[in-house]
Full PDB file with SEQRES, HELIX, SHEET, SSBOND, CRYST1, ORIGX, SCALE, CONECT and MASTER records, all heavy atoms in Angstrom:
SEQRES   1 A   42  ALA GLY ARG ARG MET PRO GLY ALA TRP THR GLY HIS ASP          
SEQRES   2 A   42  LEU GLY GLY ILE ILE ALA ALA CYS ARG ALA ASN GLN VAL          
SEQRES   3 A   42  ALA VAL MET ALA ILE ARG ILE PHE GLY ALA GLY VAL ILE          
SEQRES   4 A   42  ALA THR ASP                                                  
HELIX    1 AA1 ILE A   17  ALA A   23  1                                   7    
CRYST1    1.000    1.000    1.000  90.00  90.00  90.00 P 1           1          
ORIGX1      1.000000  0.000000  0.000000        0.00000                         
ORIGX2      0.000000  1.000000  0.000000        0.00000                         
ORIGX3      0.000000  0.000000  1.000000        0.00000                         
SCALE1      1.000000  0.000000  0.000000        0.00000                         
SCALE2      0.000000  1.000000  0.000000        0.00000                         
SCALE3      0.000000  0.000000  1.000000        0.00000                         
ATOM      1  N   ALA A   1       0.837  -1.217  -0.002  1.00  0.00           N  
ATOM      2  CA  ALA A   1      -0.004  -0.008   0.002  1.00  0.00           C  
ATOM      3  C   ALA A   1       0.857   1.250   0.001  1.00  0.00           C  
ATOM      4  O   ALA A   1       0.406   2.301  -0.422  1.00  0.00           O  
ATOM      5  CB  ALA A   1      -0.939  -0.001   1.212  1.00  0.00           C  
ATOM      6  N   GLY A   2       2.094   1.126   0.488  1.00  0.00           N  
ATOM      7  CA  GLY A   2       2.921   2.297   0.622  1.00  0.00           C  
ATOM      8  C   GLY A   2       4.171   2.357  -0.255  1.00  0.00           C  
ATOM      9  O   GLY A   2       4.945   3.304  -0.158  1.00  0.00           O  
ATOM     10  N   ARG A   3       4.352   1.340  -1.126  1.00  0.00           N  
ATOM     11  CA  ARG A   3       5.565   1.340  -1.962  1.00  0.00           C  
ATOM     12  C   ARG A   3       5.366   0.407  -3.150  1.00  0.00           C  
ATOM     13  O   ARG A   3       4.487  -0.470  -3.115  1.00  0.00           O  
ATOM     14  CB  ARG A   3       6.781   0.905  -1.170  1.00  0.00           C  
ATOM     15  CG  ARG A   3       6.594  -0.431  -0.485  1.00  0.00           C  
ATOM     16  CD  ARG A   3       7.912  -1.049  -0.044  1.00  0.00           C  
ATOM     17  NE  ARG A   3       8.693  -1.507  -1.185  1.00  0.00           N  
ATOM     18  CZ  ARG A   3       9.951  -1.883  -1.118  1.00  0.00           C  
ATOM     19  NH1 ARG A   3      10.587  -1.876   0.048  1.00  0.00           N  
ATOM     20  NH2 ARG A   3      10.587  -2.286  -2.201  1.00  0.00           N  
ATOM     21  N   ARG A   4       6.211   0.588  -4.158  1.00  0.00           N  
ATOM     22  CA  ARG A   4       6.196  -0.325  -5.285  1.00  0.00           C  
ATOM     23  C   ARG A   4       6.938  -1.600  -4.926  1.00  0.00           C  
ATOM     24  O   ARG A   4       8.079  -1.533  -4.462  1.00  0.00           O  
ATOM     25  CB  ARG A   4       6.840   0.345  -6.507  1.00  0.00           C  
ATOM     26  CG  ARG A   4       6.760  -0.491  -7.788  1.00  0.00           C  
ATOM     27  CD  ARG A   4       7.384   0.290  -8.941  1.00  0.00           C  
ATOM     28  NE  ARG A   4       7.322  -0.477 -10.180  1.00  0.00           N  
ATOM     29  CZ  ARG A   4       6.259  -0.473 -10.987  1.00  0.00           C  
ATOM     30  NH1 ARG A   4       5.207   0.257 -10.702  1.00  0.00           N  
ATOM     31  NH2 ARG A   4       6.271  -1.184 -12.111  1.00  0.00           N  
ATOM     32  N   MET A   5       6.320  -2.759  -5.135  1.00  0.00           N  
ATOM     33  CA  MET A   5       6.943  -4.019  -4.787  1.00  0.00           C  
ATOM     34  C   MET A   5       7.659  -4.637  -5.994  1.00  0.00           C  
ATOM     35  O   MET A   5       7.184  -4.473  -7.117  1.00  0.00           O  
ATOM     36  CB  MET A   5       5.909  -4.994  -4.239  1.00  0.00           C  
ATOM     37  CG  MET A   5       5.146  -4.471  -3.028  1.00  0.00           C  
ATOM     38  SD  MET A   5       6.197  -4.008  -1.627  1.00  0.00           S  
ATOM     39  CE  MET A   5       6.838  -5.610  -1.138  1.00  0.00           C  
ATOM     40  N   PRO A   6       8.795  -5.323  -5.750  1.00  0.00           N  
ATOM     41  CA  PRO A   6       9.513  -5.948  -6.873  1.00  0.00           C  
ATOM     42  C   PRO A   6       8.734  -7.099  -7.490  1.00  0.00           C  
ATOM     43  O   PRO A   6       7.789  -7.652  -6.872  1.00  0.00           O  
ATOM     44  CB  PRO A   6      10.788  -6.449  -6.215  1.00  0.00           C  
ATOM     45  CG  PRO A   6      10.470  -6.581  -4.773  1.00  0.00           C  
ATOM     46  CD  PRO A   6       9.459  -5.522  -4.459  1.00  0.00           C  
ATOM     47  N   GLY A   7       9.099  -7.503  -8.693  1.00  0.00           N  
ATOM     48  CA  GLY A   7       8.350  -8.504  -9.437  1.00  0.00           C  
ATOM     49  C   GLY A   7       8.280  -9.850  -8.764  1.00  0.00           C  
ATOM     50  O   GLY A   7       7.276 -10.570  -8.917  1.00  0.00           O  
ATOM     51  N   ALA A   8       9.296 -10.243  -7.986  1.00  0.00           N  
ATOM     52  CA  ALA A   8       9.310 -11.566  -7.356  1.00  0.00           C  
ATOM     53  C   ALA A   8       8.369 -11.665  -6.164  1.00  0.00           C  
ATOM     54  O   ALA A   8       7.947 -12.764  -5.807  1.00  0.00           O  
ATOM     55  CB  ALA A   8      10.727 -11.927  -6.914  1.00  0.00           C  
ATOM     56  N   TRP A   9       8.058 -10.514  -5.565  1.00  0.00           N  
ATOM     57  CA  TRP A   9       7.228 -10.517  -4.355  1.00  0.00           C  
ATOM     58  C   TRP A   9       5.829 -11.035  -4.663  1.00  0.00           C  
ATOM     59  O   TRP A   9       5.248 -10.717  -5.727  1.00  0.00           O  
ATOM     60  CB  TRP A   9       7.150  -9.102  -3.776  1.00  0.00           C  
ATOM     61  CG  TRP A   9       6.253  -8.981  -2.591  1.00  0.00           C  
ATOM     62  CD1 TRP A   9       6.533  -9.241  -1.292  1.00  0.00           C  
ATOM     63  CD2 TRP A   9       4.855  -8.540  -2.607  1.00  0.00           C  
ATOM     64  NE1 TRP A   9       5.435  -8.997  -0.496  1.00  0.00           N  
ATOM     65  CE2 TRP A   9       4.397  -8.574  -1.264  1.00  0.00           C  
ATOM     66  CE3 TRP A   9       4.000  -8.146  -3.624  1.00  0.00           C  
ATOM     67  CZ2 TRP A   9       3.107  -8.200  -0.927  1.00  0.00           C  
ATOM     68  CZ3 TRP A   9       2.706  -7.781  -3.301  1.00  0.00           C  
ATOM     69  CH2 TRP A   9       2.257  -7.821  -1.959  1.00  0.00           C  
ATOM     70  N   THR A  10       5.252 -11.818  -3.764  1.00  0.00           N  
ATOM     71  CA  THR A  10       3.888 -12.306  -3.931  1.00  0.00           C  
ATOM     72  C   THR A  10       3.016 -11.804  -2.790  1.00  0.00           C  
ATOM     73  O   THR A  10       3.465 -11.680  -1.646  1.00  0.00           O  
ATOM     74  CB  THR A  10       3.841 -13.837  -3.980  1.00  0.00           C  
ATOM     75  OG1 THR A  10       4.427 -14.376  -2.776  1.00  0.00           O  
ATOM     76  CG2 THR A  10       4.567 -14.386  -5.197  1.00  0.00           C  
ATOM     77  N   GLY A  11       1.758 -11.548  -3.105  1.00  0.00           N  
ATOM     78  CA  GLY A  11       0.819 -11.052  -2.107  1.00  0.00           C  
ATOM     79  C   GLY A  11      -0.257 -10.231  -2.782  1.00  0.00           C  
ATOM     80  O   GLY A  11      -0.245 -10.027  -4.010  1.00  0.00           O  
ATOM     81  N   HIS A  12      -1.187  -9.753  -1.993  1.00  0.00           N  
ATOM     82  CA  HIS A  12      -2.267  -8.906  -2.480  1.00  0.00           C  
ATOM     83  C   HIS A  12      -1.698  -7.501  -2.684  1.00  0.00           C  
ATOM     84  O   HIS A  12      -1.359  -6.820  -1.728  1.00  0.00           O  
ATOM     85  CB  HIS A  12      -3.405  -8.914  -1.456  1.00  0.00           C  
ATOM     86  CG  HIS A  12      -4.620  -8.176  -1.872  1.00  0.00           C  
ATOM     87  ND1 HIS A  12      -5.843  -8.378  -1.282  1.00  0.00           N  
ATOM     88  CD2 HIS A  12      -4.841  -7.237  -2.820  1.00  0.00           C  
ATOM     89  CE1 HIS A  12      -6.750  -7.594  -1.838  1.00  0.00           C  
ATOM     90  NE2 HIS A  12      -6.149  -6.898  -2.773  1.00  0.00           N  
ATOM     91  N   ASP A  13      -1.643  -7.052  -3.916  1.00  0.00           N  
ATOM     92  CA  ASP A  13      -1.053  -5.776  -4.234  1.00  0.00           C  
ATOM     93  C   ASP A  13      -2.040  -4.635  -3.952  1.00  0.00           C  
ATOM     94  O   ASP A  13      -3.061  -4.503  -4.650  1.00  0.00           O  
ATOM     95  CB  ASP A  13      -0.576  -5.735  -5.694  1.00  0.00           C  
ATOM     96  CG  ASP A  13       0.281  -4.517  -5.993  1.00  0.00           C  
ATOM     97  OD1 ASP A  13       0.373  -3.617  -5.140  1.00  0.00           O  
ATOM     98  OD2 ASP A  13       0.886  -4.477  -7.103  1.00  0.00           O  
ATOM     99  N   LEU A  14      -1.732  -3.826  -2.957  1.00  0.00           N  
ATOM    100  CA  LEU A  14      -2.553  -2.695  -2.576  1.00  0.00           C  
ATOM    101  C   LEU A  14      -1.893  -1.397  -3.004  1.00  0.00           C  
ATOM    102  O   LEU A  14      -2.125  -0.337  -2.416  1.00  0.00           O  
ATOM    103  CB  LEU A  14      -2.803  -2.723  -1.065  1.00  0.00           C  
ATOM    104  CG  LEU A  14      -3.580  -3.948  -0.570  1.00  0.00           C  
ATOM    105  CD1 LEU A  14      -3.464  -4.078   0.950  1.00  0.00           C  
ATOM    106  CD2 LEU A  14      -5.036  -3.858  -0.971  1.00  0.00           C  
ATOM    107  N   GLY A  15      -1.098  -1.465  -4.073  1.00  0.00           N  
ATOM    108  CA  GLY A  15      -0.319  -0.343  -4.513  1.00  0.00           C  
ATOM    109  C   GLY A  15      -1.103   0.917  -4.807  1.00  0.00           C  
ATOM    110  O   GLY A  15      -2.177   0.853  -5.428  1.00  0.00           O  
ATOM    111  N   GLY A  16      -0.610   2.037  -4.343  1.00  0.00           N  
ATOM    112  CA  GLY A  16      -1.192   3.347  -4.617  1.00  0.00           C  
ATOM    113  C   GLY A  16      -2.081   3.885  -3.538  1.00  0.00           C  
ATOM    114  O   GLY A  16      -2.436   5.069  -3.553  1.00  0.00           O  
ATOM    115  N   ILE A  17      -2.448   3.071  -2.563  1.00  0.00           N  
ATOM    116  CA  ILE A  17      -3.442   3.492  -1.570  1.00  0.00           C  
ATOM    117  C   ILE A  17      -2.895   4.587  -0.663  1.00  0.00           C  
ATOM    118  O   ILE A  17      -3.546   5.637  -0.443  1.00  0.00           O  
ATOM    119  CB  ILE A  17      -3.968   2.311  -0.770  1.00  0.00           C  
ATOM    120  CG1 ILE A  17      -4.844   1.411  -1.668  1.00  0.00           C  
ATOM    121  CG2 ILE A  17      -4.771   2.774   0.453  1.00  0.00           C  
ATOM    122  CD1 ILE A  17      -5.366   0.143  -1.002  1.00  0.00           C  
ATOM    123  N   ILE A  18      -1.700   4.396  -0.135  1.00  0.00           N  
ATOM    124  CA  ILE A  18      -1.151   5.417   0.771  1.00  0.00           C  
ATOM    125  C   ILE A  18      -0.826   6.678   0.008  1.00  0.00           C  
ATOM    126  O   ILE A  18      -1.010   7.800   0.522  1.00  0.00           O  
ATOM    127  CB  ILE A  18       0.036   4.855   1.577  1.00  0.00           C  
ATOM    128  CG1 ILE A  18      -0.465   3.821   2.595  1.00  0.00           C  
ATOM    129  CG2 ILE A  18       0.809   5.966   2.268  1.00  0.00           C  
ATOM    130  CD1 ILE A  18       0.610   3.211   3.467  1.00  0.00           C  
ATOM    131  N   ALA A  19      -0.344   6.547  -1.224  1.00  0.00           N  
ATOM    132  CA  ALA A  19      -0.074   7.738  -2.040  1.00  0.00           C  
ATOM    133  C   ALA A  19      -1.380   8.524  -2.295  1.00  0.00           C  
ATOM    134  O   ALA A  19      -1.367   9.764  -2.251  1.00  0.00           O  
ATOM    135  CB  ALA A  19       0.535   7.345  -3.372  1.00  0.00           C  
ATOM    136  N   ALA A  20      -2.470   7.813  -2.527  1.00  0.00           N  
ATOM    137  CA  ALA A  20      -3.760   8.486  -2.711  1.00  0.00           C  
ATOM    138  C   ALA A  20      -4.183   9.200  -1.430  1.00  0.00           C  
ATOM    139  O   ALA A  20      -4.712  10.325  -1.472  1.00  0.00           O  
ATOM    140  CB  ALA A  20      -4.811   7.477  -3.137  1.00  0.00           C  
ATOM    141  N   CYS A  21      -3.943   8.579  -0.294  1.00  0.00           N  
ATOM    142  CA  CYS A  21      -4.273   9.200   0.999  1.00  0.00           C  
ATOM    143  C   CYS A  21      -3.449  10.480   1.188  1.00  0.00           C  
ATOM    144  O   CYS A  21      -3.982  11.520   1.590  1.00  0.00           O  
ATOM    145  CB  CYS A  21      -4.014   8.226   2.144  1.00  0.00           C  
ATOM    146  SG  CYS A  21      -5.210   6.874   2.277  1.00  0.00           S  
ATOM    147  N   ARG A  22      -2.168  10.383   0.865  1.00  0.00           N  
ATOM    148  CA  ARG A  22      -1.283  11.556   1.020  1.00  0.00           C  
ATOM    149  C   ARG A  22      -1.756  12.697   0.125  1.00  0.00           C  
ATOM    150  O   ARG A  22      -1.835  13.852   0.548  1.00  0.00           O  
ATOM    151  CB  ARG A  22       0.147  11.159   0.695  1.00  0.00           C  
ATOM    152  CG  ARG A  22       1.150  12.314   0.825  1.00  0.00           C  
ATOM    153  CD  ARG A  22       2.572  11.849   0.607  1.00  0.00           C  
ATOM    154  NE  ARG A  22       2.781  11.350  -0.753  1.00  0.00           N  
ATOM    155  CZ  ARG A  22       3.033  10.081  -1.061  1.00  0.00           C  
ATOM    156  NH1 ARG A  22       3.131   9.164  -0.110  1.00  0.00           N  
ATOM    157  NH2 ARG A  22       3.224   9.715  -2.307  1.00  0.00           N  
ATOM    158  N   ALA A  23      -2.091  12.379  -1.126  1.00  0.00           N  
ATOM    159  CA  ALA A  23      -2.499  13.401  -2.104  1.00  0.00           C  
ATOM    160  C   ALA A  23      -3.805  14.092  -1.699  1.00  0.00           C  
ATOM    161  O   ALA A  23      -4.042  15.238  -2.039  1.00  0.00           O  
ATOM    162  CB  ALA A  23      -2.625  12.772  -3.478  1.00  0.00           C  
ATOM    163  N   ASN A  24      -4.656  13.359  -0.979  1.00  0.00           N  
ATOM    164  CA  ASN A  24      -5.984  13.871  -0.608  1.00  0.00           C  
ATOM    165  C   ASN A  24      -6.126  14.207   0.850  1.00  0.00           C  
ATOM    166  O   ASN A  24      -7.225  14.452   1.334  1.00  0.00           O  
ATOM    167  CB  ASN A  24      -7.050  12.870  -1.042  1.00  0.00           C  
ATOM    168  CG  ASN A  24      -7.144  12.743  -2.543  1.00  0.00           C  
ATOM    169  OD1 ASN A  24      -7.699  13.592  -3.232  1.00  0.00           O  
ATOM    170  ND2 ASN A  24      -6.546  11.674  -3.089  1.00  0.00           N  
ATOM    171  N   GLN A  25      -4.982  14.197   1.573  1.00  0.00           N  
ATOM    172  CA  GLN A  25      -4.957  14.525   2.996  1.00  0.00           C  
ATOM    173  C   GLN A  25      -5.927  13.641   3.798  1.00  0.00           C  
ATOM    174  O   GLN A  25      -6.649  14.097   4.713  1.00  0.00           O  
ATOM    175  CB  GLN A  25      -5.273  15.997   3.241  1.00  0.00           C  
ATOM    176  CG  GLN A  25      -4.228  16.934   2.710  1.00  0.00           C  
ATOM    177  CD  GLN A  25      -4.525  18.391   3.050  1.00  0.00           C  
ATOM    178  OE1 GLN A  25      -5.482  18.981   2.514  1.00  0.00           O  
ATOM    179  NE2 GLN A  25      -3.753  18.952   3.950  1.00  0.00           N  
ATOM    180  N   VAL A  26      -5.910  12.346   3.463  1.00  0.00           N  
ATOM    181  CA  VAL A  26      -6.737  11.366   4.167  1.00  0.00           C  
ATOM    182  C   VAL A  26      -5.852  10.667   5.180  1.00  0.00           C  
ATOM    183  O   VAL A  26      -4.753  10.198   4.831  1.00  0.00           O  
ATOM    184  CB  VAL A  26      -7.346  10.350   3.165  1.00  0.00           C  
ATOM    185  CG1 VAL A  26      -7.989   9.183   3.877  1.00  0.00           C  
ATOM    186  CG2 VAL A  26      -8.362  11.058   2.262  1.00  0.00           C  
ATOM    187  N   ALA A  27      -6.277  10.582   6.397  1.00  0.00           N  
ATOM    188  CA  ALA A  27      -5.487   9.956   7.455  1.00  0.00           C  
ATOM    189  C   ALA A  27      -5.338   8.471   7.188  1.00  0.00           C  
ATOM    190  O   ALA A  27      -6.284   7.795   6.781  1.00  0.00           O  
ATOM    191  CB  ALA A  27      -6.167  10.145   8.810  1.00  0.00           C  
ATOM    192  N   VAL A  28      -4.116   7.953   7.402  1.00  0.00           N  
ATOM    193  CA  VAL A  28      -3.829   6.530   7.220  1.00  0.00           C  
ATOM    194  C   VAL A  28      -3.781   5.866   8.596  1.00  0.00           C  
ATOM    195  O   VAL A  28      -2.877   6.142   9.397  1.00  0.00           O  
ATOM    196  CB  VAL A  28      -2.488   6.339   6.499  1.00  0.00           C  
ATOM    197  CG1 VAL A  28      -2.116   4.838   6.452  1.00  0.00           C  
ATOM    198  CG2 VAL A  28      -2.549   6.912   5.089  1.00  0.00           C  
ATOM    199  N   MET A  29      -4.712   4.974   8.844  1.00  0.00           N  
ATOM    200  CA  MET A  29      -4.736   4.172  10.063  1.00  0.00           C  
ATOM    201  C   MET A  29      -4.229   2.786   9.672  1.00  0.00           C  
ATOM    202  O   MET A  29      -4.962   2.019   9.034  1.00  0.00           O  
ATOM    203  CB  MET A  29      -6.143   4.104  10.654  1.00  0.00           C  
ATOM    204  CG  MET A  29      -6.760   5.443  10.946  1.00  0.00           C  
ATOM    205  SD  MET A  29      -8.496   5.356  11.483  1.00  0.00           S  
ATOM    206  CE  MET A  29      -8.275   4.795  13.189  1.00  0.00           C  
ATOM    207  N   ALA A  30      -2.976   2.487  10.004  1.00  0.00           N  
ATOM    208  CA  ALA A  30      -2.397   1.216   9.585  1.00  0.00           C  
ATOM    209  C   ALA A  30      -2.994   0.067  10.399  1.00  0.00           C  
ATOM    210  O   ALA A  30      -2.988   0.099  11.640  1.00  0.00           O  
ATOM    211  CB  ALA A  30      -0.888   1.227   9.756  1.00  0.00           C  
ATOM    212  N   ILE A  31      -3.510  -0.959   9.717  1.00  0.00           N  
ATOM    213  CA  ILE A  31      -4.108  -2.093  10.394  1.00  0.00           C  
ATOM    214  C   ILE A  31      -3.371  -3.387   9.992  1.00  0.00           C  
ATOM    215  O   ILE A  31      -2.609  -3.419   9.034  1.00  0.00           O  
ATOM    216  CB  ILE A  31      -5.617  -2.245  10.069  1.00  0.00           C  
ATOM    217  CG1 ILE A  31      -5.835  -2.454   8.561  1.00  0.00           C  
ATOM    218  CG2 ILE A  31      -6.380  -1.053  10.580  1.00  0.00           C  
ATOM    219  CD1 ILE A  31      -7.280  -2.822   8.213  1.00  0.00           C  
ATOM    220  N   ARG A  32      -3.621  -4.433  10.781  1.00  0.00           N  
ATOM    221  CA  ARG A  32      -3.002  -5.725  10.577  1.00  0.00           C  
ATOM    222  C   ARG A  32      -1.473  -5.619  10.602  1.00  0.00           C  
ATOM    223  O   ARG A  32      -0.791  -6.314   9.854  1.00  0.00           O  
ATOM    224  CB  ARG A  32      -3.505  -6.399   9.305  1.00  0.00           C  
ATOM    225  CG  ARG A  32      -4.972  -6.855   9.393  1.00  0.00           C  
ATOM    226  CD  ARG A  32      -5.132  -7.917  10.471  1.00  0.00           C  
ATOM    227  NE  ARG A  32      -6.502  -8.365  10.643  1.00  0.00           N  
ATOM    228  CZ  ARG A  32      -6.935  -9.564  10.289  1.00  0.00           C  
ATOM    229  NH1 ARG A  32      -6.103 -10.467   9.782  1.00  0.00           N  
ATOM    230  NH2 ARG A  32      -8.194  -9.905  10.475  1.00  0.00           N  
ATOM    231  N   ILE A  33      -0.958  -4.757  11.432  1.00  0.00           N  
ATOM    232  CA  ILE A  33       0.485  -4.559  11.475  1.00  0.00           C  
ATOM    233  C   ILE A  33       1.211  -5.790  12.019  1.00  0.00           C  
ATOM    234  O   ILE A  33       2.399  -5.987  11.742  1.00  0.00           O  
ATOM    235  CB  ILE A  33       0.861  -3.289  12.277  1.00  0.00           C  
ATOM    236  CG1 ILE A  33       0.588  -3.480  13.758  1.00  0.00           C  
ATOM    237  CG2 ILE A  33       0.162  -2.084  11.742  1.00  0.00           C  
ATOM    238  CD1 ILE A  33       1.167  -2.340  14.595  1.00  0.00           C  
ATOM    239  N   PHE A  34       0.492  -6.637  12.771  1.00  0.00           N  
ATOM    240  CA  PHE A  34       1.047  -7.883  13.272  1.00  0.00           C  
ATOM    241  C   PHE A  34       0.609  -9.099  12.440  1.00  0.00           C  
ATOM    242  O   PHE A  34       0.856 -10.226  12.807  1.00  0.00           O  
ATOM    243  CB  PHE A  34       0.672  -8.123  14.716  1.00  0.00           C  
ATOM    244  CG  PHE A  34       1.111  -7.028  15.674  1.00  0.00           C  
ATOM    245  CD1 PHE A  34       0.246  -6.553  16.624  1.00  0.00           C  
ATOM    246  CD2 PHE A  34       2.398  -6.496  15.599  1.00  0.00           C  
ATOM    247  CE1 PHE A  34       0.644  -5.562  17.497  1.00  0.00           C  
ATOM    248  CE2 PHE A  34       2.800  -5.497  16.474  1.00  0.00           C  
ATOM    249  CZ  PHE A  34       1.914  -5.028  17.443  1.00  0.00           C  
ATOM    250  N   GLY A  35      -0.104  -8.828  11.326  1.00  0.00           N  
ATOM    251  CA  GLY A  35      -0.576  -9.930  10.480  1.00  0.00           C  
ATOM    252  C   GLY A  35      -1.473 -10.893  11.235  1.00  0.00           C  
ATOM    253  O   GLY A  35      -1.291 -12.125  11.135  1.00  0.00           O  
ATOM    254  N   ALA A  36      -2.416 -10.373  11.992  1.00  0.00           N  
ATOM    255  CA  ALA A  36      -3.329 -11.183  12.848  1.00  0.00           C  
ATOM    256  C   ALA A  36      -2.561 -11.968  13.892  1.00  0.00           C  
ATOM    257  O   ALA A  36      -3.003 -12.999  14.363  1.00  0.00           O  
ATOM    258  CB  ALA A  36      -4.179 -12.097  11.997  1.00  0.00           C  
ATOM    259  N   GLY A  37      -1.369 -11.477  14.263  1.00  0.00           N  
ATOM    260  CA  GLY A  37      -0.570 -12.111  15.297  1.00  0.00           C  
ATOM    261  C   GLY A  37       0.538 -12.981  14.774  1.00  0.00           C  
ATOM    262  O   GLY A  37       1.463 -13.345  15.506  1.00  0.00           O  
ATOM    263  N   VAL A  38       0.462 -13.339  13.491  1.00  0.00           N  
ATOM    264  CA  VAL A  38       1.451 -14.290  12.930  1.00  0.00           C  
ATOM    265  C   VAL A  38       2.861 -13.677  12.957  1.00  0.00           C  
ATOM    266  O   VAL A  38       3.832 -14.367  13.225  1.00  0.00           O  
ATOM    267  CB  VAL A  38       1.039 -14.671  11.485  1.00  0.00           C  
ATOM    268  CG1 VAL A  38       2.141 -15.497  10.829  1.00  0.00           C  
ATOM    269  CG2 VAL A  38      -0.267 -15.466  11.516  1.00  0.00           C  
ATOM    270  N   ILE A  39       2.962 -12.391  12.668  1.00  0.00           N  
ATOM    271  CA  ILE A  39       4.280 -11.760  12.678  1.00  0.00           C  
ATOM    272  C   ILE A  39       4.812 -11.627  14.089  1.00  0.00           C  
ATOM    273  O   ILE A  39       6.004 -11.824  14.343  1.00  0.00           O  
ATOM    274  CB  ILE A  39       4.196 -10.336  12.026  1.00  0.00           C  
ATOM    275  CG1 ILE A  39       3.741 -10.440  10.558  1.00  0.00           C  
ATOM    276  CG2 ILE A  39       5.529  -9.612  12.138  1.00  0.00           C  
ATOM    277  CD1 ILE A  39       3.446  -9.092   9.925  1.00  0.00           C  
ATOM    278  N   ALA A  40       3.923 -11.364  15.040  1.00  0.00           N  
ATOM    279  CA  ALA A  40       4.335 -11.044  16.429  1.00  0.00           C  
ATOM    280  C   ALA A  40       4.774 -12.273  17.207  1.00  0.00           C  
ATOM    281  O   ALA A  40       5.645 -12.166  18.100  1.00  0.00           O  
ATOM    282  CB  ALA A  40       3.221 -10.327  17.143  1.00  0.00           C  
ATOM    283  N   THR A  41       4.210 -13.440  16.945  1.00  0.00           N  
ATOM    284  CA  THR A  41       4.441 -14.600  17.818  1.00  0.00           C  
ATOM    285  C   THR A  41       4.142 -15.879  17.078  1.00  0.00           C  
ATOM    286  O   THR A  41       3.369 -15.902  16.118  1.00  0.00           O  
ATOM    287  CB  THR A  41       3.577 -14.499  19.104  1.00  0.00           C  
ATOM    288  OG1 THR A  41       3.794 -15.676  19.905  1.00  0.00           O  
ATOM    289  CG2 THR A  41       2.090 -14.410  18.750  1.00  0.00           C  
ATOM    290  N   ASP A  42       4.746 -16.978  17.565  1.00  0.00           N  
ATOM    291  CA  ASP A  42       4.420 -18.312  17.050  1.00  0.00           C  
ATOM    292  C   ASP A  42       3.239 -18.933  17.801  1.00  0.00           C  
ATOM    293  O   ASP A  42       2.761 -20.000  17.436  1.00  0.00           O  
ATOM    294  CB  ASP A  42       5.625 -19.235  17.164  1.00  0.00           C  
ATOM    295  CG  ASP A  42       6.733 -18.871  16.170  1.00  0.00           C  
ATOM    296  OD1 ASP A  42       6.369 -18.361  15.090  1.00  0.00           O  
ATOM    297  OD2 ASP A  42       7.908 -19.106  16.473  1.00  0.00           O  
TER     298      ASP A  42                                                      
MASTER        0    0    0    1    0    0    0    6  297    1    0    4          
END                                                                             
């Protein structure tokens, strides 16, 4: 959502969303920062 991803990367591409928020002064509330807990813990 916040950067261009390289070609090898796999995932749901949300490209352009944060740039659109910045251009329109829309607040960005980052969610799933822990990936539903998967990133934070086993």
